[in-house]
Protein backbone atom coordinates (compact mmCIF):
# COMPACT_ATOMS: atom_id res chain seq x y z
CA GLU A 1 88.38 116.17 110.36
CA PHE A 2 90.33 113.50 108.95
CA SER A 3 89.72 110.45 111.85
CA ILE A 4 89.73 107.42 110.04
CA ALA A 5 88.52 103.53 112.20
CA VAL A 6 89.44 100.45 109.12
CA LEU A 7 86.95 97.58 110.44
CA PRO A 8 87.77 94.25 110.35
CA PHE A 9 87.18 93.34 106.52
CA ASP A 10 84.74 90.07 105.44
CA ASP A 11 85.76 87.04 104.42
CA LEU A 12 83.56 86.05 101.87
CA SER A 13 85.47 83.57 100.30
CA SER A 14 83.89 80.87 98.75
CA ASP A 15 85.31 77.45 101.53
CA LYS A 16 85.33 80.28 104.39
CA ASP A 17 88.92 79.36 106.30
CA SER A 18 90.26 82.67 105.12
CA GLU A 19 90.00 84.51 108.27
CA TRP A 20 93.58 85.25 108.48
CA PHE A 21 93.77 86.83 105.17
CA CYS A 22 91.28 89.16 105.84
CA ASP A 23 92.85 89.77 108.82
CA GLY A 24 95.71 90.33 107.38
CA VAL A 25 94.33 92.65 104.42
CA THR A 26 92.30 94.89 107.65
CA GLU A 27 95.88 95.33 109.15
CA ASP A 28 97.56 96.41 106.37
CA ILE A 29 95.13 99.17 104.79
CA LEU A 30 95.06 100.23 108.47
CA THR A 31 98.85 100.34 108.45
CA TYR A 32 98.86 101.89 105.38
CA LEU A 33 97.53 104.30 106.34
CA SER A 34 99.23 105.09 109.35
CA LYS A 35 101.71 106.17 106.81
CA ILE A 36 99.57 109.64 105.74
CA GLU A 37 100.21 112.34 107.98
CA GLY A 38 97.40 114.16 108.82
CA LEU A 39 95.91 111.05 109.09
CA LYS A 40 94.88 110.10 112.62
CA VAL A 41 94.17 106.35 112.42
CA ILE A 42 92.45 103.92 114.82
CA SER A 43 94.86 101.20 115.80
CA ARG A 44 93.89 97.52 115.05
CA THR A 45 93.18 96.75 118.77
CA SER A 46 90.56 98.83 119.26
CA VAL A 47 88.60 97.85 115.79
CA MET A 48 89.18 94.45 115.61
CA GLN A 49 86.21 94.59 118.46
CA TYR A 50 83.86 95.40 115.79
CA LYS A 51 84.48 92.29 113.79
CA ASP A 52 80.96 90.22 113.66
CA ARG A 53 79.82 93.96 114.82
CA LYS A 54 76.00 94.53 115.52
CA LYS A 55 76.48 98.26 115.70
CA THR A 56 75.78 101.06 113.19
CA ILE A 57 78.63 103.08 111.18
CA PRO A 58 77.51 105.56 113.39
CA GLU A 59 77.22 103.64 116.44
CA ILE A 60 81.18 103.06 115.73
CA ALA A 61 82.19 106.17 114.70
CA LYS A 62 81.15 107.89 117.73
CA GLU A 63 82.42 105.45 120.06
CA LEU A 64 85.85 105.86 118.40
CA GLY A 65 85.77 109.54 117.96
CA VAL A 66 86.15 109.34 114.16
CA ALA A 67 85.14 110.88 111.12
CA PHE A 68 85.04 108.53 108.36
CA ILE A 69 84.90 104.49 108.96
CA VAL A 70 86.73 102.39 105.99
CA GLU A 71 85.18 98.51 105.74
CA GLY A 72 85.25 96.54 103.05
CA SER A 73 85.54 92.88 102.57
CA VAL A 74 87.54 90.25 100.79
CA ARG A 75 86.61 86.80 98.45
CA LYS A 76 90.16 84.43 97.96
CA HIS A 77 89.49 82.00 95.54
CA GLY A 78 92.29 79.43 94.93
CA ASN A 79 94.88 82.13 93.80
CA ASP A 80 92.25 84.68 93.34
CA VAL A 81 91.28 88.14 95.46
CA ARG A 82 89.02 90.61 95.06
CA ILE A 83 88.52 93.49 97.56
CA THR A 84 86.00 95.31 98.13
CA ALA A 85 85.94 98.52 100.39
CA GLN A 86 83.65 101.42 100.94
CA LEU A 87 84.02 105.64 102.93
CA ILE A 88 81.34 105.62 104.73
CA LYS A 89 80.66 109.13 106.50
CA ALA A 90 80.23 108.99 110.55
CA ASN A 91 76.27 109.84 109.06
CA ASP A 92 76.48 106.49 107.04
CA GLU A 93 76.68 108.28 104.07
CA HIS A 94 78.71 106.82 101.77
CA MET A 95 82.07 108.73 99.83
CA TRP A 96 83.03 105.98 97.55
CA ALA A 97 83.31 102.59 97.06
CA ASP A 98 85.56 100.52 94.13
CA ASN A 99 86.49 97.00 93.63
CA TYR A 100 89.88 95.57 93.01
CA SER A 101 90.55 92.37 91.43
CA GLY A 102 93.73 90.37 90.98
CA THR A 103 96.12 87.50 92.04
CA MET A 104 97.46 86.95 95.30
CA ASP A 105 100.70 87.91 93.33
CA ASP A 106 99.24 91.48 93.24
CA VAL A 107 97.59 91.23 96.85
CA PHE A 108 100.06 94.13 97.93
CA LYS A 109 99.08 96.63 95.49
CA LEU A 110 95.80 96.16 95.49
CA GLN A 111 95.85 97.44 99.21
CA SER A 112 97.86 99.39 98.62
CA ASP A 113 95.29 100.90 96.17
CA VAL A 114 92.61 100.34 98.26
CA SER A 115 94.67 102.98 100.78
CA GLN A 116 95.92 105.66 98.07
CA GLN A 117 91.80 105.80 97.08
CA ILE A 118 91.03 106.40 100.86
CA VAL A 119 93.36 108.83 100.65
CA GLN A 120 92.66 110.90 97.59
CA GLN A 121 88.99 110.59 98.43
CA LEU A 122 89.53 112.44 101.50
CA LYS A 123 91.36 114.82 99.34
CA ILE A 124 94.85 114.45 101.75
CA LYS A 125 97.87 115.30 99.29
CA ILE A 126 100.88 112.51 99.64
CA SER A 127 104.02 113.99 99.91
CA PRO A 128 106.15 111.84 97.13
CA GLU A 129 108.40 109.93 99.93
CA VAL A 130 104.68 109.10 102.05
CA LYS A 131 103.61 107.58 97.79
CA GLU A 132 107.12 105.96 97.48
CA LYS A 133 106.79 103.89 101.46
CA LEU A 134 102.78 103.29 99.86
CA GLU A 135 104.62 101.11 97.26
CA THR A 136 107.33 99.24 98.86
CA PHE A 137 105.96 96.23 99.91
CA PRO A 138 107.21 93.96 103.43
CA THR A 139 108.34 90.61 101.16
CA ASP A 140 107.52 89.66 97.18
CA ASN A 141 107.08 85.91 98.49
CA ILE A 142 103.84 85.55 97.97
CA GLU A 143 103.81 81.69 100.73
CA ALA A 144 106.10 83.61 103.34
CA TYR A 145 102.60 86.45 103.77
CA GLU A 146 100.86 83.90 104.24
CA ALA A 147 102.97 82.24 105.98
CA TYR A 148 103.16 84.97 108.41
CA LEU A 149 99.45 85.90 108.56
CA LYS A 150 98.57 82.42 109.26
CA GLY A 151 100.83 83.43 112.37
CA ARG A 152 99.38 86.36 113.29
CA SER A 153 96.28 84.61 113.53
CA PHE A 154 97.25 81.82 115.70
CA MET A 155 99.24 84.67 118.16
CA ASP A 156 96.35 86.63 118.60
CA LYS A 157 94.19 84.16 119.80
CA PHE A 158 96.91 84.97 123.60
CA ASP A 159 97.12 80.92 124.70
CA PRO A 160 99.67 78.82 125.00
CA ASP A 161 98.98 75.81 122.14
CA ASN A 162 97.80 78.77 119.45
CA SER A 163 101.31 80.99 119.99
CA LYS A 164 103.69 77.56 119.01
CA ILE A 165 101.53 77.28 116.14
CA GLY A 166 101.56 80.48 115.52
CA ARG A 167 105.27 81.16 115.49
CA GLU A 168 105.35 78.27 113.59
CA PHE A 169 103.63 79.91 110.54
CA PHE A 170 106.71 82.77 111.02
CA GLU A 171 109.27 80.77 111.20
CA LYS A 172 108.24 79.05 107.93
CA ALA A 173 107.73 82.81 106.36
CA ILE A 174 111.65 83.60 107.53
CA GLU A 175 112.78 80.11 105.70
CA LEU A 176 110.86 81.52 102.32
CA ASP A 177 112.09 84.68 102.93
CA PRO A 178 114.89 85.37 105.39
CA ASN A 179 114.77 89.69 104.79
CA TYR A 180 110.89 89.65 105.90
CA ALA A 181 110.77 92.20 108.78
CA ASP A 182 107.78 91.35 109.65
CA ALA A 183 108.01 87.98 110.21
CA TYR A 184 110.41 88.27 112.59
């Protein structure tokens, strides 16, 4: 009953060079949702095959064996961010949709708010401990976060040249925030 897939968020940024950021937003929301006890969340590897998808929501839901799909988009312009998210039943019926706007300084809170709203729409109770985890952010250095996301984007290409570039971004993230565990 409580199974969900977070599809890759679309990049609607005006400069179209924020795919790395959109993938990061997708992954962070997926990670937040995976912390919810009783909610089965499909892995990032499985959902990334639907990037630039040509299939319908019912087809994707059936293939992944989920009752709900999250899809959305990200607009990044300078320091401004807008995340649009939708929760859709496997039969293609919309349950909820909303926009979240802020700056890069607010990005973790925006992602947490989206995740908590999804859980609220599913009527799943969150313990105070899980709520605290959802509101604990991996770094407070946005430049380190951006470097980390760019590194992930290059590492996901699985070739030696891109892996080297990815590593350089991870090292930059660590330099900016030595306590940023994800970058290690």
